[in-house]
Amino acid sequence: MRAEQLLPDHINQTVIDGVTVRKGTVGAFLANARVWCDVATSASQRAAIEADLLQALPALRALGLFEVLDIRNADLRAWVAAH
């Protein structure tokens, strides 16, 4: 399956198992995860990122992301599992 088969260019979101999933959710999660895992990230930055990550988790779970991929960073993996 290609990306445009899942969400054509003119559609920005879909509903999977009752959860709205927007285009860019996985990419935003990856970008936020990189910064969250960076030891140079301040506590206030990490807290802001966590708010965004929390908002994305239902969509990522609806997509089945964590059924296929493991989070390599142990701290982030534990944080996601706890939420």
Protein backbone atom coordinates (compact mmCIF):
# COMPACT_ATOMS: atom_id res chain seq x y z
CA MET A 1 0.00 0.00 0.00
CA ARG A 2 1.22 3.47 -0.85
CA ALA A 3 0.58 6.54 1.29
CA GLU A 4 -1.87 8.05 -1.20
CA GLN A 5 -3.93 4.85 -1.07
CA LEU A 6 -4.39 5.29 2.68
CA LEU A 7 -4.97 9.05 2.57
CA PRO A 8 -5.25 10.66 -0.88
CA ASP A 9 -3.73 14.12 -1.30
CA HIS A 10 -7.07 15.89 -0.86
CA ILE A 11 -7.87 14.12 2.44
CA ASN A 12 -6.05 15.20 5.60
CA GLN A 13 -7.51 12.80 8.13
CA THR A 14 -9.36 9.53 8.54
CA VAL A 15 -11.12 7.73 11.36
CA ILE A 16 -9.78 4.35 12.48
CA ASP A 17 -11.64 2.48 15.21
CA GLY A 18 -13.36 5.71 16.20
CA VAL A 19 -10.09 7.66 16.50
CA THR A 20 -9.31 10.56 14.16
CA VAL A 21 -5.88 10.16 12.60
CA ARG A 22 -4.41 13.18 10.83
CA LYS A 23 -1.75 13.17 8.15
CA GLY A 24 1.60 13.82 9.73
CA THR A 25 0.84 12.12 13.04
CA VAL A 26 3.61 9.56 12.71
CA GLY A 27 6.09 12.14 11.42
CA ALA A 28 5.28 14.51 14.28
CA PHE A 29 5.70 11.68 16.78
CA LEU A 30 9.13 10.84 15.36
CA ALA A 31 10.26 14.48 15.40
CA ASN A 32 9.05 14.92 18.98
CA ALA A 33 10.60 11.62 20.07
CA ARG A 34 14.01 12.68 18.76
CA VAL A 35 13.92 15.89 20.78
CA TRP A 36 12.46 14.16 23.88
CA CYS A 37 15.33 11.65 23.82
CA ASP A 38 18.02 14.32 23.41
CA VAL A 39 19.86 14.76 26.72
CA ALA A 40 20.19 18.48 25.94
CA THR A 41 16.40 18.94 26.01
CA SER A 42 15.29 20.96 29.02
CA ALA A 43 12.62 19.78 31.44
CA SER A 44 10.21 22.45 30.21
CA GLN A 45 10.77 21.45 26.57
CA ARG A 46 10.27 17.80 27.48
CA ALA A 47 7.00 18.63 29.27
CA ALA A 48 5.70 20.47 26.19
CA ILE A 49 6.68 17.55 23.97
CA GLU A 50 4.97 15.10 26.32
CA ALA A 51 1.71 17.01 25.90
CA ASP A 52 1.98 16.61 22.12
CA LEU A 53 2.96 12.94 22.44
CA LEU A 54 -0.01 12.25 24.72
CA GLN A 55 -2.35 13.77 22.18
CA ALA A 56 -0.91 11.58 19.41
CA LEU A 57 -0.90 8.25 21.28
CA PRO A 58 -4.52 7.24 20.55
CA ALA A 59 -4.00 7.77 16.81
CA LEU A 60 -0.69 5.92 16.83
CA ARG A 61 -2.29 3.02 18.67
CA ALA A 62 -5.25 3.01 16.25
CA LEU A 63 -2.75 2.80 13.39
CA GLY A 64 -1.07 -0.16 15.11
CA LEU A 65 2.32 1.55 15.12
CA PHE A 66 3.48 -0.02 18.38
CA GLU A 67 2.33 -3.48 17.29
CA VAL A 68 4.80 -3.36 14.42
CA LEU A 69 7.65 -1.16 15.69
CA ASP A 70 9.46 -1.07 19.03
CA ILE A 71 10.72 2.16 20.54
CA ARG A 72 14.47 1.71 20.98
CA ASN A 73 14.96 4.34 23.68
CA ALA A 74 14.11 2.57 26.96
CA ASP A 75 12.97 5.75 28.72
CA LEU A 76 10.62 6.77 25.92
CA ARG A 77 9.38 3.20 25.55
CA ALA A 78 8.53 3.13 29.27
CA TRP A 79 6.86 6.56 29.09
CA VAL A 80 4.68 5.49 26.16
CA ALA A 81 3.76 2.22 27.89
CA ALA A 82 2.77 4.15 31.03
CA HIS A 83 0.40 6.35 29.05
